[in-house]
């Protein structure tokens, strides 16, 4: 989740920003001899996690467009929608006149399409907890609010302090994607993901930590064989009570799994 800028520039940046508040021109810090980039004022991001980061950094008023699957915070959900990973709406994006797009590595194709349009792109990886934390600082520095990035990183570190669950380690499966209404084509969180790291901090066992890829597609027979005590299913959209019931109903087709048998599908 990081290359870092020179620490001297990072220390001088808050002072320079006070002097240049409201100014969008490229300026030169004569003391450091460093050229400062213009502060972005119109920002877009498609991925919900990056939009949440922008708002957590206090940059919500600069966000002019978000992805179709952004539902939180409420202010972000009301922003103009600009498509998703596979269907970004370039015409809508151009109409919003962004000066910065904050993207994930998986969105590099969009980055190559935005650069010729004069839109600066900031790519921040977020596969691991360290990368997520690093993204706070990277985005904050680029947007001229480095202190906000440090504060958010500090809160993040405090909230993620290891808190092992009592009792023997629980075996957990995290489903990050599947077709609604069916159990085929289940994508699970594997090793070297922040999901796996979070389970480790809880003293739990990721049943697919030995997978060869970060997000393997797993078969039903393999899920049954690994006997997860808990199944956590992540969905991109808010779950209504009806949708939650449908998720549990789908998994009820595998009653031999401890998680299903003991009502531990969430």
C-alpha atoms as a PDB file:
ATOM      1  CA  UNK A   1       0.000   0.000   0.000  1.00  0.00           C
ATOM      2  CA  UNK A   2       4.553   2.994  -0.706  1.00  0.00           C
ATOM      3  CA  UNK A   3       7.049   5.399  -1.897  1.00  0.00           C
ATOM      4  CA  UNK A   4       7.316   8.520   0.294  1.00  0.00           C
ATOM      5  CA  UNK A   5       8.061  12.134  -0.544  1.00  0.00           C
ATOM      6  CA  UNK A   6      11.000  13.975   0.970  1.00  0.00           C
ATOM      7  CA  UNK A   7      10.389  14.540   4.680  1.00  0.00           C
ATOM      8  CA  UNK A   8      11.593  18.129   4.440  1.00  0.00           C
ATOM      9  CA  UNK A   9       8.864  18.950   1.914  1.00  0.00           C
ATOM     10  CA  UNK A  10       6.291  17.224   4.109  1.00  0.00           C
ATOM     11  CA  UNK A  11       7.293  19.386   7.095  1.00  0.00           C
ATOM     12  CA  UNK A  12       7.187  22.611   5.089  1.00  0.00           C
ATOM     13  CA  UNK A  13       3.942  21.849   3.290  1.00  0.00           C
ATOM     14  CA  UNK A  14       1.459  22.949   6.023  1.00  0.00           C
ATOM     15  CA  UNK A  15       3.121  26.389   6.278  1.00  0.00           C
ATOM     16  CA  UNK A  16       3.203  26.838   2.530  1.00  0.00           C
ATOM     17  CA  UNK A  17      -0.463  25.842   2.231  1.00  0.00           C
ATOM     18  CA  UNK A  18      -1.463  28.519   4.745  1.00  0.00           C
ATOM     19  CA  UNK A  19       0.261  31.107   2.578  1.00  0.00           C
ATOM     20  CA  UNK A  20      -1.219  29.756  -0.623  1.00  0.00           C
ATOM     21  CA  UNK A  21      -4.755  29.027   0.638  1.00  0.00           C
ATOM     22  CA  UNK A  22      -7.168  29.270  -2.232  1.00  0.00           C
ATOM     23  CA  UNK A  23      -4.386  29.402  -4.802  1.00  0.00           C
ATOM     24  CA  UNK A  24      -4.338  26.704  -7.481  1.00  0.00           C
ATOM     25  CA  UNK A  25      -1.154  27.748  -9.274  1.00  0.00           C
ATOM     26  CA  UNK A  26       2.108  25.840  -9.147  1.00  0.00           C
ATOM     27  CA  UNK A  27       4.413  27.634  -6.720  1.00  0.00           C
ATOM     28  CA  UNK A  28       8.020  27.299  -5.594  1.00  0.00           C
ATOM     29  CA  UNK A  29       9.107  27.006  -1.968  1.00  0.00           C
ATOM     30  CA  UNK A  30      12.303  29.018  -2.168  1.00  0.00           C
ATOM     31  CA  UNK A  31      13.658  27.729   1.142  1.00  0.00           C
ATOM     32  CA  UNK A  32      13.461  24.111   0.032  1.00  0.00           C
ATOM     33  CA  UNK A  33      13.878  24.778  -3.671  1.00  0.00           C
ATOM     34  CA  UNK A  34      10.967  22.410  -4.288  1.00  0.00           C
ATOM     35  CA  UNK A  35       8.205  22.888  -6.830  1.00  0.00           C
ATOM     36  CA  UNK A  36       4.774  22.310  -5.283  1.00  0.00           C
ATOM     37  CA  UNK A  37       1.980  20.761  -7.294  1.00  0.00           C
ATOM     38  CA  UNK A  38      -1.350  22.599  -7.519  1.00  0.00           C
ATOM     39  CA  UNK A  39      -3.758  21.594  -4.778  1.00  0.00           C
ATOM     40  CA  UNK A  40      -6.613  19.526  -6.281  1.00  0.00           C
ATOM     41  CA  UNK A  41     -10.043  21.078  -5.796  1.00  0.00           C
ATOM     42  CA  UNK A  42     -12.268  18.718  -7.818  1.00  0.00           C
ATOM     43  CA  UNK A  43     -11.689  15.059  -7.013  1.00  0.00           C
ATOM     44  CA  UNK A  44     -13.288  11.848  -8.281  1.00  0.00           C
ATOM     45  CA  UNK A  45     -13.008   8.276  -7.028  1.00  0.00           C
ATOM     46  CA  UNK A  46     -14.925   5.164  -8.029  1.00  0.00           C
ATOM     47  CA  UNK A  47     -14.035   2.718  -5.264  1.00  0.00           C
ATOM     48  CA  UNK A  48     -16.150   2.995  -2.085  1.00  0.00           C
ATOM     49  CA  UNK A  49     -13.154   2.592   0.224  1.00  0.00           C
ATOM     50  CA  UNK A  50     -11.288   5.468  -1.445  1.00  0.00           C
ATOM     51  CA  UNK A  51     -14.362   7.697  -1.300  1.00  0.00           C
ATOM     52  CA  UNK A  52     -14.690   6.928   2.414  1.00  0.00           C
ATOM     53  CA  UNK A  53     -11.031   7.815   2.864  1.00  0.00           C
ATOM     54  CA  UNK A  54     -11.507  11.170   1.139  1.00  0.00           C
ATOM     55  CA  UNK A  55     -14.417  12.007   3.425  1.00  0.00           C
ATOM     56  CA  UNK A  56     -12.572  10.769   6.526  1.00  0.00           C
ATOM     57  CA  UNK A  57      -9.752  13.171   5.611  1.00  0.00           C
ATOM     58  CA  UNK A  58     -12.226  16.059   5.516  1.00  0.00           C
ATOM     59  CA  UNK A  59     -12.086  16.333   1.720  1.00  0.00           C
ATOM     60  CA  UNK A  60     -15.753  15.588   1.049  1.00  0.00           C
ATOM     61  CA  UNK A  61     -16.494  19.087  -0.186  1.00  0.00           C
ATOM     62  CA  UNK A  62     -13.896  18.617  -2.940  1.00  0.00           C
ATOM     63  CA  UNK A  63     -15.360  15.315  -4.189  1.00  0.00           C
ATOM     64  CA  UNK A  64     -17.370  15.944  -7.361  1.00  0.00           C
ATOM     65  CA  UNK A  65     -18.034  12.376  -8.548  1.00  0.00           C
ATOM     66  CA  UNK A  66     -18.126   8.851  -7.100  1.00  0.00           C
ATOM     67  CA  UNK A  67     -18.603   5.280  -8.281  1.00  0.00           C
ATOM     68  CA  UNK A  68     -21.992   3.620  -8.675  1.00  0.00           C
ATOM     69  CA  UNK A  69     -21.455   1.415  -5.597  1.00  0.00           C
ATOM     70  CA  UNK A  70     -20.778   4.260  -3.175  1.00  0.00           C
ATOM     71  CA  UNK A  71     -23.479   4.279  -0.481  1.00  0.00           C
ATOM     72  CA  UNK A  72     -21.633   5.659   2.531  1.00  0.00           C
ATOM     73  CA  UNK A  73     -21.264   8.182   3.987  1.00  0.00           C
ATOM     74  CA  UNK A  74     -24.650   9.626   3.119  1.00  0.00           C
ATOM     75  CA  UNK A  75     -23.129  12.828   1.717  1.00  0.00           C
ATOM     76  CA  UNK A  76     -21.003  10.747  -0.655  1.00  0.00           C
ATOM     77  CA  UNK A  77     -23.997   8.742  -1.866  1.00  0.00           C
ATOM     78  CA  UNK A  78     -25.590  11.997  -3.041  1.00  0.00           C
ATOM     79  CA  UNK A  79     -22.627  12.919  -5.243  1.00  0.00           C
ATOM     80  CA  UNK A  80     -22.896  12.488  -9.052  1.00  0.00           C
ATOM     81  CA  UNK A  81     -22.325   8.863 -10.095  1.00  0.00           C
ATOM     82  CA  UNK A  82     -19.622   8.163 -12.687  1.00  0.00           C
ATOM     83  CA  UNK A  83     -19.886   4.400 -13.263  1.00  0.00           C
ATOM     84  CA  UNK A  84     -17.827   1.506 -11.994  1.00  0.00           C
ATOM     85  CA  UNK A  85     -14.655  -0.451 -12.684  1.00  0.00           C
ATOM     86  CA  UNK A  86     -15.983  -1.984 -15.905  1.00  0.00           C
ATOM     87  CA  UNK A  87     -18.258   0.825 -17.056  1.00  0.00           C
ATOM     88  CA  UNK A  88     -16.765   4.224 -16.162  1.00  0.00           C
ATOM     89  CA  UNK A  89     -18.735   7.065 -17.732  1.00  0.00           C
ATOM     90  CA  UNK A  90     -16.009   9.159 -19.355  1.00  0.00           C
ATOM     91  CA  UNK A  91     -18.460  11.716 -20.716  1.00  0.00           C
ATOM     92  CA  UNK A  92     -19.861  12.316 -17.239  1.00  0.00           C
ATOM     93  CA  UNK A  93     -16.383  12.430 -15.733  1.00  0.00           C
ATOM     94  CA  UNK A  94     -15.221  15.062 -18.242  1.00  0.00           C
ATOM     95  CA  UNK A  95     -18.329  17.149 -17.588  1.00  0.00           C
ATOM     96  CA  UNK A  96     -17.440  17.315 -13.892  1.00  0.00           C
ATOM     97  CA  UNK A  97     -14.024  18.830 -14.728  1.00  0.00           C
ATOM     98  CA  UNK A  98     -11.988  16.905 -12.135  1.00  0.00           C
ATOM     99  CA  UNK A  99      -8.382  17.855 -11.503  1.00  0.00           C
ATOM    100  CA  UNK A 100      -7.576  14.608  -9.632  1.00  0.00           C
ATOM    101  CA  UNK A 101      -8.759  11.007  -9.852  1.00  0.00           C
ATOM    102  CA  UNK A 102      -7.891   8.752  -6.907  1.00  0.00           C
ATOM    103  CA  UNK A 103      -7.769   5.163  -8.165  1.00  0.00           C
ATOM    104  CA  UNK A 104      -6.697   1.647  -7.227  1.00  0.00           C
ATOM    105  CA  UNK A 105      -4.152  -0.372  -9.235  1.00  0.00           C
ATOM    106  CA  UNK A 106      -7.051  -2.393 -10.674  1.00  0.00           C
ATOM    107  CA  UNK A 107      -8.310   0.839 -12.264  1.00  0.00           C
ATOM    108  CA  UNK A 108      -5.154   1.563 -14.262  1.00  0.00           C
ATOM    109  CA  UNK A 109      -7.059   1.142 -17.533  1.00  0.00           C
ATOM    110  CA  UNK A 110      -9.206   4.100 -16.536  1.00  0.00           C
ATOM    111  CA  UNK A 111      -6.064   6.003 -15.576  1.00  0.00           C
ATOM    112  CA  UNK A 112      -4.663   5.627 -19.089  1.00  0.00           C
ATOM    113  CA  UNK A 113      -7.904   7.045 -20.487  1.00  0.00           C
ATOM    114  CA  UNK A 114      -7.986   9.988 -18.106  1.00  0.00           C
ATOM    115  CA  UNK A 115      -4.410  11.174 -18.595  1.00  0.00           C
ATOM    116  CA  UNK A 116      -4.923  12.320 -22.204  1.00  0.00           C
ATOM    117  CA  UNK A 117      -7.966  14.261 -20.970  1.00  0.00           C
ATOM    118  CA  UNK A 118      -5.793  16.303 -18.630  1.00  0.00           C
ATOM    119  CA  UNK A 119      -6.969  14.601 -15.434  1.00  0.00           C
ATOM    120  CA  UNK A 120      -4.199  13.870 -12.951  1.00  0.00           C
ATOM    121  CA  UNK A 121      -4.314  10.343 -11.511  1.00  0.00           C
ATOM    122  CA  UNK A 122      -3.176   9.219  -8.068  1.00  0.00           C
ATOM    123  CA  UNK A 123      -2.983   5.415  -7.773  1.00  0.00           C
ATOM    124  CA  UNK A 124      -2.954   4.010  -4.233  1.00  0.00           C
ATOM    125  CA  UNK A 125      -2.813   0.255  -3.535  1.00  0.00           C
ATOM    126  CA  UNK A 126      -4.875  -1.079  -0.621  1.00  0.00           C
ATOM    127  CA  UNK A 127      -4.436  -4.861  -0.552  1.00  0.00           C
ATOM    128  CA  UNK A 128      -2.808  -4.983   2.906  1.00  0.00           C
ATOM    129  CA  UNK A 129      -3.354  -3.095   6.142  1.00  0.00           C
ATOM    130  CA  UNK A 130      -0.022  -1.334   5.674  1.00  0.00           C
ATOM    131  CA  UNK A 131      -1.068  -0.222   2.196  1.00  0.00           C
ATOM    132  CA  UNK A 132      -4.419   1.049   3.462  1.00  0.00           C
ATOM    133  CA  UNK A 133      -2.674   3.078   6.159  1.00  0.00           C
ATOM    134  CA  UNK A 134      -0.168   4.359   3.616  1.00  0.00           C
ATOM    135  CA  UNK A 135      -2.981   5.455   1.325  1.00  0.00           C
ATOM    136  CA  UNK A 136      -4.270   7.818   4.018  1.00  0.00           C
ATOM    137  CA  UNK A 137      -0.950   9.645   4.113  1.00  0.00           C
ATOM    138  CA  UNK A 138      -0.433   9.605   0.337  1.00  0.00           C
ATOM    139  CA  UNK A 139      -3.878  11.049  -0.428  1.00  0.00           C
ATOM    140  CA  UNK A 140      -3.647  13.585   2.386  1.00  0.00           C
ATOM    141  CA  UNK A 141      -0.241  14.845   1.249  1.00  0.00           C
ATOM    142  CA  UNK A 142      -1.337  15.184  -2.363  1.00  0.00           C
ATOM    143  CA  UNK A 143      -4.471  17.074  -1.337  1.00  0.00           C
ATOM    144  CA  UNK A 144      -2.595  19.448   0.960  1.00  0.00           C
ATOM    145  CA  UNK A 145      -3.841  18.117   4.302  1.00  0.00           C
ATOM    146  CA  UNK A 146      -0.923  15.999   5.589  1.00  0.00           C
ATOM    147  CA  UNK A 147      -1.891  16.473   9.243  1.00  0.00           C
ATOM    148  CA  UNK A 148      -5.322  14.946   8.543  1.00  0.00           C
ATOM    149  CA  UNK A 149      -3.583  11.904   7.061  1.00  0.00           C
ATOM    150  CA  UNK A 150      -1.482  11.442  10.187  1.00  0.00           C
ATOM    151  CA  UNK A 151      -4.540  11.756  12.442  1.00  0.00           C
ATOM    152  CA  UNK A 152      -6.509   9.221  10.420  1.00  0.00           C
ATOM    153  CA  UNK A 153      -3.564   6.813  10.390  1.00  0.00           C
ATOM    154  CA  UNK A 154      -3.257   7.127  14.176  1.00  0.00           C
ATOM    155  CA  UNK A 155      -6.972   6.353  14.669  1.00  0.00           C
ATOM    156  CA  UNK A 156      -6.620   3.421  12.282  1.00  0.00           C
ATOM    157  CA  UNK A 157      -3.695   1.991  14.237  1.00  0.00           C
ATOM    158  CA  UNK A 158      -5.535   2.317  17.553  1.00  0.00           C
ATOM    159  CA  UNK A 159      -8.704   0.692  16.201  1.00  0.00           C
ATOM    160  CA  UNK A 160      -6.761  -2.236  14.734  1.00  0.00           C
ATOM    161  CA  UNK A 161      -4.817  -3.165  17.848  1.00  0.00           C
ATOM    162  CA  UNK A 162      -4.861  -7.000  18.106  1.00  0.00           C
ATOM    163  CA  UNK A 163      -7.885  -8.216  20.088  1.00  0.00           C
ATOM    164  CA  UNK A 164      -7.797 -12.028  20.138  1.00  0.00           C
ATOM    165  CA  UNK A 165     -11.179 -13.672  20.632  1.00  0.00           C
ATOM    166  CA  UNK A 166     -11.548 -15.933  23.665  1.00  0.00           C
ATOM    167  CA  UNK A 167     -11.493 -19.695  23.256  1.00  0.00           C
ATOM    168  CA  UNK A 168      -9.913 -21.863  20.569  1.00  0.00           C
ATOM    169  CA  UNK A 169      -9.204 -20.253  17.179  1.00  0.00           C
ATOM    170  CA  UNK A 170     -12.268 -20.014  14.967  1.00  0.00           C
ATOM    171  CA  UNK A 171     -12.033 -21.060  11.331  1.00  0.00           C
ATOM    172  CA  UNK A 172     -13.481 -18.321   9.154  1.00  0.00           C
ATOM    173  CA  UNK A 173     -14.253 -17.999   5.464  1.00  0.00           C
ATOM    174  CA  UNK A 174     -14.723 -14.563   3.929  1.00  0.00           C
ATOM    175  CA  UNK A 175     -16.696 -14.502   0.698  1.00  0.00           C
ATOM    176  CA  UNK A 176     -15.993 -11.341  -1.285  1.00  0.00           C
ATOM    177  CA  UNK A 177     -18.049 -12.141  -4.353  1.00  0.00           C
ATOM    178  CA  UNK A 178     -20.556 -14.552  -5.828  1.00  0.00           C
ATOM    179  CA  UNK A 179     -23.671 -14.485  -7.977  1.00  0.00           C
ATOM    180  CA  UNK A 180     -26.803 -13.791  -5.963  1.00  0.00           C
ATOM    181  CA  UNK A 181     -29.099 -16.775  -5.603  1.00  0.00           C
ATOM    182  CA  UNK A 182     -26.423 -19.391  -6.195  1.00  0.00           C
ATOM    183  CA  UNK A 183     -23.325 -20.745  -4.499  1.00  0.00           C
ATOM    184  CA  UNK A 184     -21.261 -21.365  -7.615  1.00  0.00           C
ATOM    185  CA  UNK A 185     -18.280 -19.156  -8.442  1.00  0.00           C
ATOM    186  CA  UNK A 186     -17.553 -18.111  -4.858  1.00  0.00           C
ATOM    187  CA  UNK A 187     -14.572 -15.788  -4.548  1.00  0.00           C
ATOM    188  CA  UNK A 188     -12.868 -15.993  -1.153  1.00  0.00           C
ATOM    189  CA  UNK A 189     -10.306 -13.784   0.569  1.00  0.00           C
ATOM    190  CA  UNK A 190      -6.957 -15.551   0.683  1.00  0.00           C
ATOM    191  CA  UNK A 191      -3.511 -14.739   1.983  1.00  0.00           C
ATOM    192  CA  UNK A 192      -1.758 -11.381   1.699  1.00  0.00           C
ATOM    193  CA  UNK A 193      -5.079  -9.501   1.940  1.00  0.00           C
ATOM    194  CA  UNK A 194      -6.160  -7.149   4.689  1.00  0.00           C
ATOM    195  CA  UNK A 195      -9.077  -9.512   5.367  1.00  0.00           C
ATOM    196  CA  UNK A 196      -6.591 -12.234   6.241  1.00  0.00           C
ATOM    197  CA  UNK A 197      -4.594  -9.826   8.391  1.00  0.00           C
ATOM    198  CA  UNK A 198      -7.722  -8.751  10.290  1.00  0.00           C
ATOM    199  CA  UNK A 199      -8.588 -12.369  11.063  1.00  0.00           C
ATOM    200  CA  UNK A 200      -5.060 -12.919  12.353  1.00  0.00           C
ATOM    201  CA  UNK A 201      -5.411  -9.941  14.696  1.00  0.00           C
ATOM    202  CA  UNK A 202      -8.560 -11.533  16.086  1.00  0.00           C
ATOM    203  CA  UNK A 203      -6.788 -14.829  16.620  1.00  0.00           C
ATOM    204  CA  UNK A 204      -8.994 -16.492  13.988  1.00  0.00           C
ATOM    205  CA  UNK A 205      -7.929 -18.753  11.118  1.00  0.00           C
ATOM    206  CA  UNK A 206      -8.642 -17.912   7.487  1.00  0.00           C
ATOM    207  CA  UNK A 207      -9.623 -21.254   5.954  1.00  0.00           C
ATOM    208  CA  UNK A 208      -8.221 -20.129   2.603  1.00  0.00           C
ATOM    209  CA  UNK A 209      -4.978 -18.604   3.895  1.00  0.00           C
ATOM    210  CA  UNK A 210      -3.062 -21.255   1.952  1.00  0.00           C
ATOM    211  CA  UNK A 211      -4.629 -20.325  -1.405  1.00  0.00           C
ATOM    212  CA  UNK A 212      -2.089 -19.573  -4.181  1.00  0.00           C
ATOM    213  CA  UNK A 213      -3.786 -16.267  -5.031  1.00  0.00           C
ATOM    214  CA  UNK A 214      -5.171 -13.405  -2.993  1.00  0.00           C
ATOM    215  CA  UNK A 215      -8.753 -13.954  -4.136  1.00  0.00           C
ATOM    216  CA  UNK A 216      -9.252 -17.549  -5.278  1.00  0.00           C
ATOM    217  CA  UNK A 217     -12.443 -18.885  -6.793  1.00  0.00           C
ATOM    218  CA  UNK A 218     -13.368 -21.873  -4.674  1.00  0.00           C
ATOM    219  CA  UNK A 219     -15.673 -24.808  -5.249  1.00  0.00           C
ATOM    220  CA  UNK A 220     -18.405 -25.972  -2.902  1.00  0.00           C
ATOM    221  CA  UNK A 221     -16.624 -29.264  -2.213  1.00  0.00           C
ATOM    222  CA  UNK A 222     -13.554 -27.367  -1.042  1.00  0.00           C
ATOM    223  CA  UNK A 223     -15.633 -25.137   1.228  1.00  0.00           C
ATOM    224  CA  UNK A 224     -17.302 -28.192   2.778  1.00  0.00           C
ATOM    225  CA  UNK A 225     -13.927 -29.870   3.281  1.00  0.00           C
ATOM    226  CA  UNK A 226     -12.497 -26.850   5.139  1.00  0.00           C
ATOM    227  CA  UNK A 227     -15.420 -26.745   7.606  1.00  0.00           C
ATOM    228  CA  UNK A 228     -15.520 -23.019   8.437  1.00  0.00           C
ATOM    229  CA  UNK A 229     -17.026 -22.125  11.826  1.00  0.00           C
ATOM    230  CA  UNK A 230     -18.099 -18.770  10.464  1.00  0.00           C
ATOM    231  CA  UNK A 231     -18.911 -17.523   6.949  1.00  0.00           C
ATOM    232  CA  UNK A 232     -18.753 -13.770   6.419  1.00  0.00           C
ATOM    233  CA  UNK A 233     -20.217 -12.642   3.103  1.00  0.00           C
ATOM    234  CA  UNK A 234     -19.307  -9.166   1.863  1.00  0.00           C
ATOM    235  CA  UNK A 235     -21.600  -7.439  -0.622  1.00  0.00           C
ATOM    236  CA  UNK A 236     -21.093  -4.160  -2.530  1.00  0.00           C
ATOM    237  CA  UNK A 237     -24.629  -2.935  -1.835  1.00  0.00           C
ATOM    238  CA  UNK A 238     -26.466  -2.327   1.459  1.00  0.00           C
ATOM    239  CA  UNK A 239     -28.254  -5.478   2.657  1.00  0.00           C
ATOM    240  CA  UNK A 240     -31.939  -5.138   3.426  1.00  0.00           C
ATOM    241  CA  UNK A 241     -33.492  -7.687   5.817  1.00  0.00           C
ATOM    242  CA  UNK A 242     -34.815  -9.514   2.758  1.00  0.00           C
ATOM    243  CA  UNK A 243     -31.372  -9.689   1.152  1.00  0.00           C
ATOM    244  CA  UNK A 244     -29.790 -10.878   4.398  1.00  0.00           C
ATOM    245  CA  UNK A 245     -32.369 -13.646   4.593  1.00  0.00           C
ATOM    246  CA  UNK A 246     -31.622 -14.578   0.973  1.00  0.00           C
ATOM    247  CA  UNK A 247     -27.888 -14.871   1.740  1.00  0.00           C
ATOM    248  CA  UNK A 248     -28.552 -17.245   4.625  1.00  0.00           C
ATOM    249  CA  UNK A 249     -31.019 -19.176   2.508  1.00  0.00           C
ATOM    250  CA  UNK A 250     -28.412 -19.674  -0.228  1.00  0.00           C
ATOM    251  CA  UNK A 251     -25.907 -21.133   2.216  1.00  0.00           C
ATOM    252  CA  UNK A 252     -28.522 -23.408   3.794  1.00  0.00           C
ATOM    253  CA  UNK A 253     -27.940 -25.713   0.823  1.00  0.00           C
ATOM    254  CA  UNK A 254     -24.763 -26.838   2.640  1.00  0.00           C
ATOM    255  CA  UNK A 255     -26.048 -27.870   6.106  1.00  0.00           C
ATOM    256  CA  UNK A 256     -22.961 -29.996   6.787  1.00  0.00           C
ATOM    257  CA  UNK A 257     -20.791 -26.890   7.192  1.00  0.00           C
ATOM    258  CA  UNK A 258     -20.467 -25.925  10.889  1.00  0.00           C
ATOM    259  CA  UNK A 259     -21.120 -22.247  10.093  1.00  0.00           C
ATOM    260  CA  UNK A 260     -24.426 -23.102   8.407  1.00  0.00           C
ATOM    261  CA  UNK A 261     -25.449 -25.711  10.983  1.00  0.00           C
ATOM    262  CA  UNK A 262     -24.852 -23.305  13.871  1.00  0.00           C
ATOM    263  CA  UNK A 263     -26.376 -20.216  12.232  1.00  0.00           C
ATOM    264  CA  UNK A 264     -23.076 -18.402  11.834  1.00  0.00           C
ATOM    265  CA  UNK A 265     -23.464 -16.992   8.336  1.00  0.00           C
ATOM    266  CA  UNK A 266     -23.309 -13.217   8.283  1.00  0.00           C
END
